[in-house]
């Protein structure tokens, strides 16, 4: 599902204009990104958490040059779904029924 499809569904269900829904969704994403950039996690009860994960320094390989490189420690954004959300997906989505898009 794309952002445009989400906007269309919310607009249809709520009766709001697509432009207004688009602005709300864009504002939501901006606030989540801003919070993570400022080092703050975002918790949405019953849905999940947008968190910052720390990756430790590690050794990697540059295969084309056959050399070892050091990948420095860094932070990455991540999403951790709520237990209720995970259970709902487990109960309703059959194994092998997920379509992956390229």
C-alpha atoms as a PDB file:
ATOM      1  CA  UNK A   1       0.000   0.000   0.000  1.00  0.00           C
ATOM      2  CA  UNK A   2       1.374   3.411  -0.949  1.00  0.00           C
ATOM      3  CA  UNK A   3       0.983   6.751   0.790  1.00  0.00           C
ATOM      4  CA  UNK A   4      -1.464   7.823  -1.933  1.00  0.00           C
ATOM      5  CA  UNK A   5      -3.591   4.728  -1.289  1.00  0.00           C
ATOM      6  CA  UNK A   6      -3.573   5.430   2.459  1.00  0.00           C
ATOM      7  CA  UNK A   7      -4.654   9.030   1.810  1.00  0.00           C
ATOM      8  CA  UNK A   8      -7.470   7.841  -0.477  1.00  0.00           C
ATOM      9  CA  UNK A   9      -8.766   5.272   2.063  1.00  0.00           C
ATOM     10  CA  UNK A  10      -8.702   7.688   5.002  1.00  0.00           C
ATOM     11  CA  UNK A  11     -10.359  10.376   2.889  1.00  0.00           C
ATOM     12  CA  UNK A  12     -13.082   7.955   1.832  1.00  0.00           C
ATOM     13  CA  UNK A  13     -13.716   6.662   5.366  1.00  0.00           C
ATOM     14  CA  UNK A  14     -13.611  10.044   7.105  1.00  0.00           C
ATOM     15  CA  UNK A  15     -15.264  12.217   4.467  1.00  0.00           C
ATOM     16  CA  UNK A  16     -12.311  14.640   4.607  1.00  0.00           C
ATOM     17  CA  UNK A  17     -10.749  16.106   1.481  1.00  0.00           C
ATOM     18  CA  UNK A  18      -7.725  14.222   0.155  1.00  0.00           C
ATOM     19  CA  UNK A  19      -5.601  17.381   0.388  1.00  0.00           C
ATOM     20  CA  UNK A  20      -6.378  17.734   4.106  1.00  0.00           C
ATOM     21  CA  UNK A  21      -5.630  14.060   4.778  1.00  0.00           C
ATOM     22  CA  UNK A  22      -2.380  14.361   2.784  1.00  0.00           C
ATOM     23  CA  UNK A  23      -1.328  17.357   4.907  1.00  0.00           C
ATOM     24  CA  UNK A  24      -2.106  15.497   8.143  1.00  0.00           C
ATOM     25  CA  UNK A  25      -0.126  12.427   7.060  1.00  0.00           C
ATOM     26  CA  UNK A  26       2.821  14.594   5.917  1.00  0.00           C
ATOM     27  CA  UNK A  27       2.741  16.445   9.255  1.00  0.00           C
ATOM     28  CA  UNK A  28       2.672  13.150  11.159  1.00  0.00           C
ATOM     29  CA  UNK A  29       5.688  11.826   9.272  1.00  0.00           C
ATOM     30  CA  UNK A  30       7.561  15.118   9.726  1.00  0.00           C
ATOM     31  CA  UNK A  31       6.940  15.023  13.486  1.00  0.00           C
ATOM     32  CA  UNK A  32       8.059  11.386  13.783  1.00  0.00           C
ATOM     33  CA  UNK A  33      11.229  12.075  11.770  1.00  0.00           C
ATOM     34  CA  UNK A  34      11.921  15.239  13.756  1.00  0.00           C
ATOM     35  CA  UNK A  35      11.561  13.424  17.068  1.00  0.00           C
ATOM     36  CA  UNK A  36      13.934  10.660  15.985  1.00  0.00           C
ATOM     37  CA  UNK A  37      16.471  13.174  14.655  1.00  0.00           C
ATOM     38  CA  UNK A  38      16.344  14.870  18.073  1.00  0.00           C
ATOM     39  CA  UNK A  39      17.020  11.540  19.809  1.00  0.00           C
ATOM     40  CA  UNK A  40      13.455  10.992  21.041  1.00  0.00           C
ATOM     41  CA  UNK A  41      11.524   7.749  20.501  1.00  0.00           C
ATOM     42  CA  UNK A  42       7.848   7.920  19.465  1.00  0.00           C
ATOM     43  CA  UNK A  43       5.375   5.584  21.214  1.00  0.00           C
ATOM     44  CA  UNK A  44       1.912   4.882  19.749  1.00  0.00           C
ATOM     45  CA  UNK A  45      -0.005   2.636  22.163  1.00  0.00           C
ATOM     46  CA  UNK A  46      -1.563  -0.376  20.438  1.00  0.00           C
ATOM     47  CA  UNK A  47       0.356   0.281  17.208  1.00  0.00           C
ATOM     48  CA  UNK A  48       4.078   0.363  17.910  1.00  0.00           C
ATOM     49  CA  UNK A  49       7.143   2.469  18.545  1.00  0.00           C
ATOM     50  CA  UNK A  50       9.478   4.360  16.263  1.00  0.00           C
ATOM     51  CA  UNK A  51      12.811   3.956  18.004  1.00  0.00           C
ATOM     52  CA  UNK A  52      16.487   4.680  17.538  1.00  0.00           C
ATOM     53  CA  UNK A  53      18.693   1.576  17.483  1.00  0.00           C
ATOM     54  CA  UNK A  54      22.414   1.682  18.073  1.00  0.00           C
ATOM     55  CA  UNK A  55      24.630  -0.351  15.785  1.00  0.00           C
ATOM     56  CA  UNK A  56      28.025  -1.270  17.215  1.00  0.00           C
ATOM     57  CA  UNK A  57      31.267  -0.811  15.310  1.00  0.00           C
ATOM     58  CA  UNK A  58      32.043  -3.841  13.185  1.00  0.00           C
ATOM     59  CA  UNK A  59      34.456  -5.161  10.618  1.00  0.00           C
ATOM     60  CA  UNK A  60      33.274  -5.545   7.039  1.00  0.00           C
ATOM     61  CA  UNK A  61      34.808  -6.562   3.737  1.00  0.00           C
ATOM     62  CA  UNK A  62      35.147  -4.717   0.456  1.00  0.00           C
ATOM     63  CA  UNK A  63      34.827  -7.721  -1.849  1.00  0.00           C
ATOM     64  CA  UNK A  64      35.960  -5.953  -5.034  1.00  0.00           C
ATOM     65  CA  UNK A  65      39.263  -4.814  -3.450  1.00  0.00           C
ATOM     66  CA  UNK A  66      39.523  -7.777  -1.054  1.00  0.00           C
ATOM     67  CA  UNK A  67      40.171  -5.466   1.884  1.00  0.00           C
ATOM     68  CA  UNK A  68      38.853  -5.199   5.415  1.00  0.00           C
ATOM     69  CA  UNK A  69      37.022  -2.033   6.416  1.00  0.00           C
ATOM     70  CA  UNK A  70      35.790  -0.753   9.749  1.00  0.00           C
ATOM     71  CA  UNK A  71      32.115   0.218   9.817  1.00  0.00           C
ATOM     72  CA  UNK A  72      31.787   2.799  12.609  1.00  0.00           C
ATOM     73  CA  UNK A  73      29.120   2.639  15.314  1.00  0.00           C
ATOM     74  CA  UNK A  74      25.956   4.465  14.240  1.00  0.00           C
ATOM     75  CA  UNK A  75      22.270   4.944  15.016  1.00  0.00           C
ATOM     76  CA  UNK A  76      19.405   3.903  12.756  1.00  0.00           C
ATOM     77  CA  UNK A  77      15.647   4.484  12.922  1.00  0.00           C
ATOM     78  CA  UNK A  78      13.516   1.375  13.457  1.00  0.00           C
ATOM     79  CA  UNK A  79       9.888   0.413  14.006  1.00  0.00           C
ATOM     80  CA  UNK A  80       8.892  -2.032  16.730  1.00  0.00           C
ATOM     81  CA  UNK A  81       5.246  -3.129  16.458  1.00  0.00           C
ATOM     82  CA  UNK A  82       3.116  -3.459  19.591  1.00  0.00           C
ATOM     83  CA  UNK A  83       2.349  -6.982  20.830  1.00  0.00           C
ATOM     84  CA  UNK A  84      -1.346  -6.513  19.987  1.00  0.00           C
ATOM     85  CA  UNK A  85      -0.389  -5.534  16.423  1.00  0.00           C
ATOM     86  CA  UNK A  86       1.943  -8.537  16.038  1.00  0.00           C
ATOM     87  CA  UNK A  87      -0.700 -10.957  17.321  1.00  0.00           C
ATOM     88  CA  UNK A  88      -3.347  -9.551  14.961  1.00  0.00           C
ATOM     89  CA  UNK A  89      -1.059 -10.024  11.968  1.00  0.00           C
ATOM     90  CA  UNK A  90      -0.130 -13.566  13.080  1.00  0.00           C
ATOM     91  CA  UNK A  91      -3.800 -14.513  13.395  1.00  0.00           C
ATOM     92  CA  UNK A  92      -5.011 -12.952  10.140  1.00  0.00           C
ATOM     93  CA  UNK A  93      -2.203 -13.331   7.601  1.00  0.00           C
ATOM     94  CA  UNK A  94      -1.521 -16.838   6.372  1.00  0.00           C
ATOM     95  CA  UNK A  95       2.066 -17.952   5.823  1.00  0.00           C
ATOM     96  CA  UNK A  96       2.984 -17.668   2.152  1.00  0.00           C
ATOM     97  CA  UNK A  97       0.168 -15.230   1.327  1.00  0.00           C
ATOM     98  CA  UNK A  98       2.263 -12.048   1.479  1.00  0.00           C
ATOM     99  CA  UNK A  99       3.011 -10.564  -1.952  1.00  0.00           C
ATOM    100  CA  UNK A 100       6.421  -8.936  -2.199  1.00  0.00           C
ATOM    101  CA  UNK A 101       6.755  -6.086  -4.680  1.00  0.00           C
ATOM    102  CA  UNK A 102      10.035  -5.291  -6.395  1.00  0.00           C
END
